[in-house]
């Protein structure tokens, strides 16, 4: 046996005889000394006491426990709790929503038996019920998978008075990360040529995020309780009483 290995084995055996508290003290106070030693010598000493600098703690969990990140995670741990500019500065993985939806189960975005379109919805219960009663398939858009679902539905409805529940705070600066995800889903749908309706109603319409949605160039705003004007001079509003815009315009000015 080489002399070096024999010395290390004897030293390790002696180190194990030390009481746990004393051994811990040696590890803690010996750091300054190790930094002054040549790298090869310092590595030998670390091996004697079982020190592996740079290794993750035994209790540390992987950043992507479900294997959904598809490579190095782009978002920092705890980034979901960031607000304002801090949230906007966190990089987003554009494929994360699709991977998460596949893991949870793909949402049904097929047409109904009557031919009703699949509508991605962020809305209050009364709007969801009205769309379902009109024969449309209501597909909720929720944080985490909204972007993936928005790329498959045939229309999107965002009710300013219904940005609540899992989307609570998305209209305020404190919920910038949620707003960016919602806005990203809207943009993903609009980029495919899908119509995005934003229903303006309720006391939240003057919040920062609501104003940004209402003034977005890739959405069509519908005022609740107001008669809808035809989008084209050849269109007769009476020809399509079950159209999405007509359903939204007939909704009350505030959710129940």
C-alpha atoms as a PDB file:
ATOM      1  CA  UNK A   1       0.000   0.000   0.000  1.00  0.00           C
ATOM      2  CA  UNK A   2       1.441   3.440  -0.878  1.00  0.00           C
ATOM      3  CA  UNK A   3       2.627   5.462   2.069  1.00  0.00           C
ATOM      4  CA  UNK A   4       0.263   8.330   1.265  1.00  0.00           C
ATOM      5  CA  UNK A   5      -2.831   6.128   1.429  1.00  0.00           C
ATOM      6  CA  UNK A   6      -1.619   4.470   4.629  1.00  0.00           C
ATOM      7  CA  UNK A   7      -1.154   7.859   6.299  1.00  0.00           C
ATOM      8  CA  UNK A   8      -4.614   8.994   5.226  1.00  0.00           C
ATOM      9  CA  UNK A   9      -6.200   5.804   6.559  1.00  0.00           C
ATOM     10  CA  UNK A  10      -4.505   6.171   9.942  1.00  0.00           C
ATOM     11  CA  UNK A  11      -5.420   9.862  10.134  1.00  0.00           C
ATOM     12  CA  UNK A  12      -9.058   9.156   9.309  1.00  0.00           C
ATOM     13  CA  UNK A  13      -9.217   6.439  11.934  1.00  0.00           C
ATOM     14  CA  UNK A  14      -7.812   8.854  14.499  1.00  0.00           C
ATOM     15  CA  UNK A  15     -10.238  11.570  13.490  1.00  0.00           C
ATOM     16  CA  UNK A  16     -13.191   9.222  14.027  1.00  0.00           C
ATOM     17  CA  UNK A  17     -12.104   8.742  17.640  1.00  0.00           C
ATOM     18  CA  UNK A  18     -12.634  12.422  18.389  1.00  0.00           C
ATOM     19  CA  UNK A  19     -15.913  13.373  20.070  1.00  0.00           C
ATOM     20  CA  UNK A  20     -18.453  14.761  17.574  1.00  0.00           C
ATOM     21  CA  UNK A  21     -18.364  18.262  19.087  1.00  0.00           C
ATOM     22  CA  UNK A  22     -14.568  18.436  18.963  1.00  0.00           C
ATOM     23  CA  UNK A  23     -14.518  17.100  15.420  1.00  0.00           C
ATOM     24  CA  UNK A  24     -17.021  19.755  14.364  1.00  0.00           C
ATOM     25  CA  UNK A  25     -14.870  22.425  16.025  1.00  0.00           C
ATOM     26  CA  UNK A  26     -11.813  21.228  14.114  1.00  0.00           C
ATOM     27  CA  UNK A  27     -13.730  21.417  10.836  1.00  0.00           C
ATOM     28  CA  UNK A  28     -15.036  24.899  11.566  1.00  0.00           C
ATOM     29  CA  UNK A  29     -11.829  26.502  12.816  1.00  0.00           C
ATOM     30  CA  UNK A  30      -9.538  24.770  10.350  1.00  0.00           C
ATOM     31  CA  UNK A  31     -10.974  26.571   7.339  1.00  0.00           C
ATOM     32  CA  UNK A  32      -8.633  29.541   7.605  1.00  0.00           C
ATOM     33  CA  UNK A  33      -5.622  27.246   7.839  1.00  0.00           C
ATOM     34  CA  UNK A  34      -6.713  25.174   4.849  1.00  0.00           C
ATOM     35  CA  UNK A  35      -6.947  28.273   2.688  1.00  0.00           C
ATOM     36  CA  UNK A  36      -3.282  29.014   3.352  1.00  0.00           C
ATOM     37  CA  UNK A  37      -2.057  25.536   2.444  1.00  0.00           C
ATOM     38  CA  UNK A  38      -1.111  24.481  -1.096  1.00  0.00           C
ATOM     39  CA  UNK A  39      -4.173  23.081  -2.917  1.00  0.00           C
ATOM     40  CA  UNK A  40      -2.912  19.486  -2.982  1.00  0.00           C
ATOM     41  CA  UNK A  41      -2.078  19.484   0.728  1.00  0.00           C
ATOM     42  CA  UNK A  42      -5.374  21.149   1.611  1.00  0.00           C
ATOM     43  CA  UNK A  43      -7.271  18.503  -0.359  1.00  0.00           C
ATOM     44  CA  UNK A  44      -5.541  15.745   1.594  1.00  0.00           C
ATOM     45  CA  UNK A  45      -6.505  17.354   4.905  1.00  0.00           C
ATOM     46  CA  UNK A  46     -10.110  17.775   3.765  1.00  0.00           C
ATOM     47  CA  UNK A  47     -10.219  14.099   2.868  1.00  0.00           C
ATOM     48  CA  UNK A  48      -9.041  13.130   6.350  1.00  0.00           C
ATOM     49  CA  UNK A  49     -11.952  14.892   8.029  1.00  0.00           C
ATOM     50  CA  UNK A  50     -14.530  14.101   5.359  1.00  0.00           C
ATOM     51  CA  UNK A  51     -14.835  17.697   4.174  1.00  0.00           C
ATOM     52  CA  UNK A  52     -16.089  18.188   0.623  1.00  0.00           C
ATOM     53  CA  UNK A  53     -16.245  21.915  -0.078  1.00  0.00           C
ATOM     54  CA  UNK A  54     -18.577  22.948  -2.844  1.00  0.00           C
ATOM     55  CA  UNK A  55     -20.772  19.858  -2.564  1.00  0.00           C
ATOM     56  CA  UNK A  56     -24.512  20.461  -1.987  1.00  0.00           C
ATOM     57  CA  UNK A  57     -25.892  19.668   1.477  1.00  0.00           C
ATOM     58  CA  UNK A  58     -27.361  16.229   1.923  1.00  0.00           C
ATOM     59  CA  UNK A  59     -30.801  17.699   2.624  1.00  0.00           C
ATOM     60  CA  UNK A  60     -30.802  20.012  -0.402  1.00  0.00           C
ATOM     61  CA  UNK A  61     -33.546  19.339  -2.931  1.00  0.00           C
ATOM     62  CA  UNK A  62     -33.043  19.708  -6.674  1.00  0.00           C
ATOM     63  CA  UNK A  63     -34.409  22.933  -8.119  1.00  0.00           C
ATOM     64  CA  UNK A  64     -36.563  20.933 -10.546  1.00  0.00           C
ATOM     65  CA  UNK A  65     -37.873  18.007  -8.516  1.00  0.00           C
ATOM     66  CA  UNK A  66     -40.459  17.047 -11.171  1.00  0.00           C
ATOM     67  CA  UNK A  67     -38.027  17.256 -14.076  1.00  0.00           C
ATOM     68  CA  UNK A  68     -40.054  19.960 -15.811  1.00  0.00           C
ATOM     69  CA  UNK A  69     -37.341  22.523 -16.360  1.00  0.00           C
ATOM     70  CA  UNK A  70     -35.860  20.871 -19.428  1.00  0.00           C
ATOM     71  CA  UNK A  71     -32.323  21.916 -18.544  1.00  0.00           C
ATOM     72  CA  UNK A  72     -30.881  24.505 -16.169  1.00  0.00           C
ATOM     73  CA  UNK A  73     -33.725  26.345 -14.464  1.00  0.00           C
ATOM     74  CA  UNK A  74     -34.009  29.890 -15.741  1.00  0.00           C
ATOM     75  CA  UNK A  75     -35.827  31.298 -12.745  1.00  0.00           C
ATOM     76  CA  UNK A  76     -34.098  31.800  -9.419  1.00  0.00           C
ATOM     77  CA  UNK A  77     -35.430  30.019  -6.328  1.00  0.00           C
ATOM     78  CA  UNK A  78     -38.119  32.125  -4.712  1.00  0.00           C
ATOM     79  CA  UNK A  79     -38.596  34.286  -7.804  1.00  0.00           C
ATOM     80  CA  UNK A  80     -42.357  33.768  -7.652  1.00  0.00           C
ATOM     81  CA  UNK A  81     -42.443  35.991  -4.579  1.00  0.00           C
ATOM     82  CA  UNK A  82     -40.586  38.856  -6.238  1.00  0.00           C
ATOM     83  CA  UNK A  83     -42.503  42.010  -6.979  1.00  0.00           C
ATOM     84  CA  UNK A  84     -42.286  44.978  -9.310  1.00  0.00           C
ATOM     85  CA  UNK A  85     -39.097  45.320 -11.318  1.00  0.00           C
ATOM     86  CA  UNK A  86     -37.575  42.354  -9.527  1.00  0.00           C
ATOM     87  CA  UNK A  87     -40.252  40.050 -10.929  1.00  0.00           C
ATOM     88  CA  UNK A  88     -39.957  41.539 -14.403  1.00  0.00           C
ATOM     89  CA  UNK A  89     -36.203  40.934 -14.390  1.00  0.00           C
ATOM     90  CA  UNK A  90     -36.508  37.187 -13.773  1.00  0.00           C
ATOM     91  CA  UNK A  91     -36.037  35.180 -16.963  1.00  0.00           C
ATOM     92  CA  UNK A  92     -38.869  32.873 -18.010  1.00  0.00           C
ATOM     93  CA  UNK A  93     -38.622  29.515 -19.742  1.00  0.00           C
ATOM     94  CA  UNK A  94     -41.037  29.698 -22.699  1.00  0.00           C
ATOM     95  CA  UNK A  95     -41.502  25.911 -22.728  1.00  0.00           C
ATOM     96  CA  UNK A  96     -42.201  25.522 -19.004  1.00  0.00           C
ATOM     97  CA  UNK A  97     -45.980  25.996 -19.365  1.00  0.00           C
ATOM     98  CA  UNK A  98     -46.259  23.280 -22.002  1.00  0.00           C
ATOM     99  CA  UNK A  99     -44.211  20.819 -19.927  1.00  0.00           C
ATOM    100  CA  UNK A 100     -46.266  21.523 -16.821  1.00  0.00           C
ATOM    101  CA  UNK A 101     -49.539  21.062 -18.691  1.00  0.00           C
ATOM    102  CA  UNK A 102     -48.350  17.733 -20.092  1.00  0.00           C
ATOM    103  CA  UNK A 103     -47.476  16.635 -16.559  1.00  0.00           C
ATOM    104  CA  UNK A 104     -50.868  17.701 -15.180  1.00  0.00           C
ATOM    105  CA  UNK A 105     -52.911  16.545 -18.171  1.00  0.00           C
ATOM    106  CA  UNK A 106     -53.804  18.474 -21.300  1.00  0.00           C
ATOM    107  CA  UNK A 107     -56.892  20.674 -21.078  1.00  0.00           C
ATOM    108  CA  UNK A 108     -59.719  19.791 -23.458  1.00  0.00           C
ATOM    109  CA  UNK A 109     -59.734  22.470 -26.160  1.00  0.00           C
ATOM    110  CA  UNK A 110     -61.920  20.627 -28.653  1.00  0.00           C
ATOM    111  CA  UNK A 111     -65.242  22.013 -29.848  1.00  0.00           C
ATOM    112  CA  UNK A 112     -68.467  21.032 -28.136  1.00  0.00           C
ATOM    113  CA  UNK A 113     -70.900  18.582 -29.718  1.00  0.00           C
ATOM    114  CA  UNK A 114     -72.931  21.575 -30.887  1.00  0.00           C
ATOM    115  CA  UNK A 115     -69.868  23.145 -32.491  1.00  0.00           C
ATOM    116  CA  UNK A 116     -69.174  25.665 -29.735  1.00  0.00           C
ATOM    117  CA  UNK A 117     -65.649  27.031 -29.684  1.00  0.00           C
ATOM    118  CA  UNK A 118     -63.111  26.438 -26.926  1.00  0.00           C
ATOM    119  CA  UNK A 119     -62.634  29.760 -25.127  1.00  0.00           C
ATOM    120  CA  UNK A 120     -59.706  30.347 -22.790  1.00  0.00           C
ATOM    121  CA  UNK A 121     -61.143  32.266 -19.869  1.00  0.00           C
ATOM    122  CA  UNK A 122     -59.986  34.376 -16.941  1.00  0.00           C
ATOM    123  CA  UNK A 123     -63.349  35.558 -15.680  1.00  0.00           C
ATOM    124  CA  UNK A 124     -65.849  35.749 -12.851  1.00  0.00           C
ATOM    125  CA  UNK A 125     -68.375  32.899 -12.456  1.00  0.00           C
ATOM    126  CA  UNK A 126     -71.223  34.821 -14.135  1.00  0.00           C
ATOM    127  CA  UNK A 127     -69.192  35.318 -17.321  1.00  0.00           C
ATOM    128  CA  UNK A 128     -68.120  31.681 -17.380  1.00  0.00           C
ATOM    129  CA  UNK A 129     -71.730  30.581 -16.919  1.00  0.00           C
ATOM    130  CA  UNK A 130     -72.943  32.910 -19.687  1.00  0.00           C
ATOM    131  CA  UNK A 131     -70.358  31.594 -22.145  1.00  0.00           C
ATOM    132  CA  UNK A 132     -71.214  27.981 -21.283  1.00  0.00           C
ATOM    133  CA  UNK A 133     -74.933  28.708 -21.671  1.00  0.00           C
ATOM    134  CA  UNK A 134     -74.220  30.143 -25.121  1.00  0.00           C
ATOM    135  CA  UNK A 135     -72.724  26.799 -26.131  1.00  0.00           C
ATOM    136  CA  UNK A 136     -69.019  27.545 -25.831  1.00  0.00           C
ATOM    137  CA  UNK A 137     -66.484  25.301 -24.119  1.00  0.00           C
ATOM    138  CA  UNK A 138     -65.047  27.247 -21.182  1.00  0.00           C
ATOM    139  CA  UNK A 139     -61.358  26.458 -20.641  1.00  0.00           C
ATOM    140  CA  UNK A 140     -59.928  28.166 -17.529  1.00  0.00           C
ATOM    141  CA  UNK A 141     -56.557  29.855 -17.919  1.00  0.00           C
ATOM    142  CA  UNK A 142     -54.570  29.400 -14.716  1.00  0.00           C
ATOM    143  CA  UNK A 143     -51.058  30.443 -13.685  1.00  0.00           C
ATOM    144  CA  UNK A 144     -48.428  27.959 -14.728  1.00  0.00           C
ATOM    145  CA  UNK A 145     -50.175  26.613 -17.836  1.00  0.00           C
ATOM    146  CA  UNK A 146     -51.978  29.682 -19.227  1.00  0.00           C
ATOM    147  CA  UNK A 147     -49.457  30.242 -22.001  1.00  0.00           C
ATOM    148  CA  UNK A 148     -49.700  26.661 -23.271  1.00  0.00           C
ATOM    149  CA  UNK A 149     -53.512  26.583 -23.209  1.00  0.00           C
ATOM    150  CA  UNK A 150     -53.752  29.982 -24.913  1.00  0.00           C
ATOM    151  CA  UNK A 151     -51.898  28.539 -27.888  1.00  0.00           C
ATOM    152  CA  UNK A 152     -54.663  25.963 -28.499  1.00  0.00           C
ATOM    153  CA  UNK A 153     -57.976  27.698 -27.794  1.00  0.00           C
ATOM    154  CA  UNK A 154     -60.058  29.484 -30.456  1.00  0.00           C
ATOM    155  CA  UNK A 155     -60.742  32.629 -28.432  1.00  0.00           C
ATOM    156  CA  UNK A 156     -59.668  34.234 -25.169  1.00  0.00           C
ATOM    157  CA  UNK A 157     -61.761  36.220 -22.695  1.00  0.00           C
ATOM    158  CA  UNK A 158     -60.261  38.239 -19.846  1.00  0.00           C
ATOM    159  CA  UNK A 159     -62.819  39.721 -17.460  1.00  0.00           C
ATOM    160  CA  UNK A 160     -61.197  42.613 -15.594  1.00  0.00           C
ATOM    161  CA  UNK A 161     -63.590  42.015 -12.699  1.00  0.00           C
ATOM    162  CA  UNK A 162     -62.680  38.325 -12.669  1.00  0.00           C
ATOM    163  CA  UNK A 163     -58.889  38.560 -12.361  1.00  0.00           C
ATOM    164  CA  UNK A 164     -59.061  36.948  -8.948  1.00  0.00           C
ATOM    165  CA  UNK A 165     -58.524  33.605  -7.277  1.00  0.00           C
ATOM    166  CA  UNK A 166     -55.227  32.185  -8.558  1.00  0.00           C
ATOM    167  CA  UNK A 167     -54.697  35.451 -10.470  1.00  0.00           C
ATOM    168  CA  UNK A 168     -55.261  37.644  -7.396  1.00  0.00           C
ATOM    169  CA  UNK A 169     -52.843  40.570  -7.389  1.00  0.00           C
ATOM    170  CA  UNK A 170     -52.073  40.377 -11.111  1.00  0.00           C
ATOM    171  CA  UNK A 171     -53.495  43.864 -11.652  1.00  0.00           C
ATOM    172  CA  UNK A 172     -51.211  45.459  -9.039  1.00  0.00           C
ATOM    173  CA  UNK A 173     -47.487  46.169  -9.028  1.00  0.00           C
ATOM    174  CA  UNK A 174     -47.018  43.557  -6.295  1.00  0.00           C
ATOM    175  CA  UNK A 175     -48.222  40.874  -8.709  1.00  0.00           C
ATOM    176  CA  UNK A 176     -46.027  41.813 -11.654  1.00  0.00           C
ATOM    177  CA  UNK A 177     -44.990  38.195 -12.246  1.00  0.00           C
ATOM    178  CA  UNK A 178     -48.633  37.098 -12.502  1.00  0.00           C
ATOM    179  CA  UNK A 179     -49.475  39.997 -14.811  1.00  0.00           C
ATOM    180  CA  UNK A 180     -46.559  39.163 -17.092  1.00  0.00           C
ATOM    181  CA  UNK A 181     -47.757  35.569 -17.341  1.00  0.00           C
ATOM    182  CA  UNK A 182     -51.306  36.680 -18.125  1.00  0.00           C
ATOM    183  CA  UNK A 183     -50.069  39.199 -20.666  1.00  0.00           C
ATOM    184  CA  UNK A 184     -47.845  36.536 -22.193  1.00  0.00           C
ATOM    185  CA  UNK A 185     -50.826  34.202 -22.630  1.00  0.00           C
ATOM    186  CA  UNK A 186     -52.812  36.995 -24.299  1.00  0.00           C
ATOM    187  CA  UNK A 187     -49.925  37.741 -26.640  1.00  0.00           C
ATOM    188  CA  UNK A 188     -49.473  34.049 -27.485  1.00  0.00           C
ATOM    189  CA  UNK A 189     -53.123  33.780 -28.510  1.00  0.00           C
ATOM    190  CA  UNK A 190     -53.143  37.051 -30.440  1.00  0.00           C
ATOM    191  CA  UNK A 191     -49.984  36.060 -32.321  1.00  0.00           C
ATOM    192  CA  UNK A 192     -51.930  33.102 -33.748  1.00  0.00           C
ATOM    193  CA  UNK A 193     -54.701  35.361 -34.977  1.00  0.00           C
ATOM    194  CA  UNK A 194     -57.018  34.397 -32.120  1.00  0.00           C
ATOM    195  CA  UNK A 195     -59.410  37.104 -30.959  1.00  0.00           C
ATOM    196  CA  UNK A 196     -58.798  38.235 -27.386  1.00  0.00           C
ATOM    197  CA  UNK A 197     -61.745  39.946 -25.705  1.00  0.00           C
ATOM    198  CA  UNK A 198     -61.200  42.053 -22.570  1.00  0.00           C
ATOM    199  CA  UNK A 199     -64.389  42.772 -20.632  1.00  0.00           C
ATOM    200  CA  UNK A 200     -64.216  46.188 -18.981  1.00  0.00           C
ATOM    201  CA  UNK A 201     -66.306  46.320 -15.833  1.00  0.00           C
ATOM    202  CA  UNK A 202     -66.146  46.442 -12.056  1.00  0.00           C
ATOM    203  CA  UNK A 203     -64.174  48.428  -9.541  1.00  0.00           C
ATOM    204  CA  UNK A 204     -60.832  46.935 -10.637  1.00  0.00           C
ATOM    205  CA  UNK A 205     -60.839  48.483 -14.103  1.00  0.00           C
ATOM    206  CA  UNK A 206     -58.718  51.434 -12.927  1.00  0.00           C
ATOM    207  CA  UNK A 207     -55.901  49.314 -11.519  1.00  0.00           C
ATOM    208  CA  UNK A 208     -52.519  49.445 -13.199  1.00  0.00           C
ATOM    209  CA  UNK A 209     -52.711  46.004 -14.788  1.00  0.00           C
ATOM    210  CA  UNK A 210     -56.304  46.510 -15.915  1.00  0.00           C
ATOM    211  CA  UNK A 211     -55.418  49.765 -17.654  1.00  0.00           C
ATOM    212  CA  UNK A 212     -52.531  48.036 -19.417  1.00  0.00           C
ATOM    213  CA  UNK A 213     -54.829  45.274 -20.668  1.00  0.00           C
ATOM    214  CA  UNK A 214     -57.552  47.684 -21.761  1.00  0.00           C
ATOM    215  CA  UNK A 215     -55.057  49.719 -23.786  1.00  0.00           C
ATOM    216  CA  UNK A 216     -53.246  46.759 -25.350  1.00  0.00           C
ATOM    217  CA  UNK A 217     -53.163  46.833 -29.132  1.00  0.00           C
ATOM    218  CA  UNK A 218     -53.842  43.123 -29.606  1.00  0.00           C
ATOM    219  CA  UNK A 219     -57.156  42.917 -27.716  1.00  0.00           C
ATOM    220  CA  UNK A 220     -60.751  43.992 -28.346  1.00  0.00           C
ATOM    221  CA  UNK A 221     -62.406  45.752 -25.423  1.00  0.00           C
ATOM    222  CA  UNK A 222     -66.084  45.163 -24.643  1.00  0.00           C
ATOM    223  CA  UNK A 223     -67.938  47.407 -22.194  1.00  0.00           C
ATOM    224  CA  UNK A 224     -70.311  45.445 -19.986  1.00  0.00           C
ATOM    225  CA  UNK A 225     -73.915  46.598 -20.199  1.00  0.00           C
ATOM    226  CA  UNK A 226     -73.357  48.521 -23.420  1.00  0.00           C
ATOM    227  CA  UNK A 227     -74.769  47.764 -26.842  1.00  0.00           C
ATOM    228  CA  UNK A 228     -72.166  46.397 -29.211  1.00  0.00           C
ATOM    229  CA  UNK A 229     -71.585  48.157 -32.497  1.00  0.00           C
ATOM    230  CA  UNK A 230     -70.860  45.980 -35.557  1.00  0.00           C
ATOM    231  CA  UNK A 231     -67.177  45.380 -36.229  1.00  0.00           C
ATOM    232  CA  UNK A 232     -67.837  45.699 -39.977  1.00  0.00           C
ATOM    233  CA  UNK A 233     -70.429  47.659 -41.923  1.00  0.00           C
ATOM    234  CA  UNK A 234     -71.824  44.413 -43.394  1.00  0.00           C
ATOM    235  CA  UNK A 235     -72.341  42.827 -39.997  1.00  0.00           C
ATOM    236  CA  UNK A 236     -75.782  42.695 -38.463  1.00  0.00           C
ATOM    237  CA  UNK A 237     -75.545  42.215 -34.679  1.00  0.00           C
ATOM    238  CA  UNK A 238     -78.864  40.398 -34.742  1.00  0.00           C
ATOM    239  CA  UNK A 239     -77.446  37.646 -36.945  1.00  0.00           C
ATOM    240  CA  UNK A 240     -75.195  36.286 -34.201  1.00  0.00           C
ATOM    241  CA  UNK A 241     -77.008  36.657 -30.865  1.00  0.00           C
ATOM    242  CA  UNK A 242     -74.826  33.959 -29.305  1.00  0.00           C
ATOM    243  CA  UNK A 243     -71.501  35.501 -30.341  1.00  0.00           C
ATOM    244  CA  UNK A 244     -68.880  35.968 -27.640  1.00  0.00           C
ATOM    245  CA  UNK A 245     -68.950  39.759 -27.866  1.00  0.00           C
ATOM    246  CA  UNK A 246     -72.742  39.796 -27.478  1.00  0.00           C
ATOM    247  CA  UNK A 247     -72.537  37.521 -24.448  1.00  0.00           C
ATOM    248  CA  UNK A 248     -69.945  39.774 -22.823  1.00  0.00           C
ATOM    249  CA  UNK A 249     -71.807  42.995 -23.586  1.00  0.00           C
ATOM    250  CA  UNK A 250     -74.917  41.552 -21.941  1.00  0.00           C
ATOM    251  CA  UNK A 251     -73.065  40.852 -18.676  1.00  0.00           C
ATOM    252  CA  UNK A 252     -73.763  43.110 -15.677  1.00  0.00           C
ATOM    253  CA  UNK A 253     -71.386  45.988 -15.006  1.00  0.00           C
ATOM    254  CA  UNK A 254     -70.102  44.231 -11.866  1.00  0.00           C
ATOM    255  CA  UNK A 255     -69.775  40.560 -11.024  1.00  0.00           C
ATOM    256  CA  UNK A 256     -72.131  39.164  -8.425  1.00  0.00           C
END
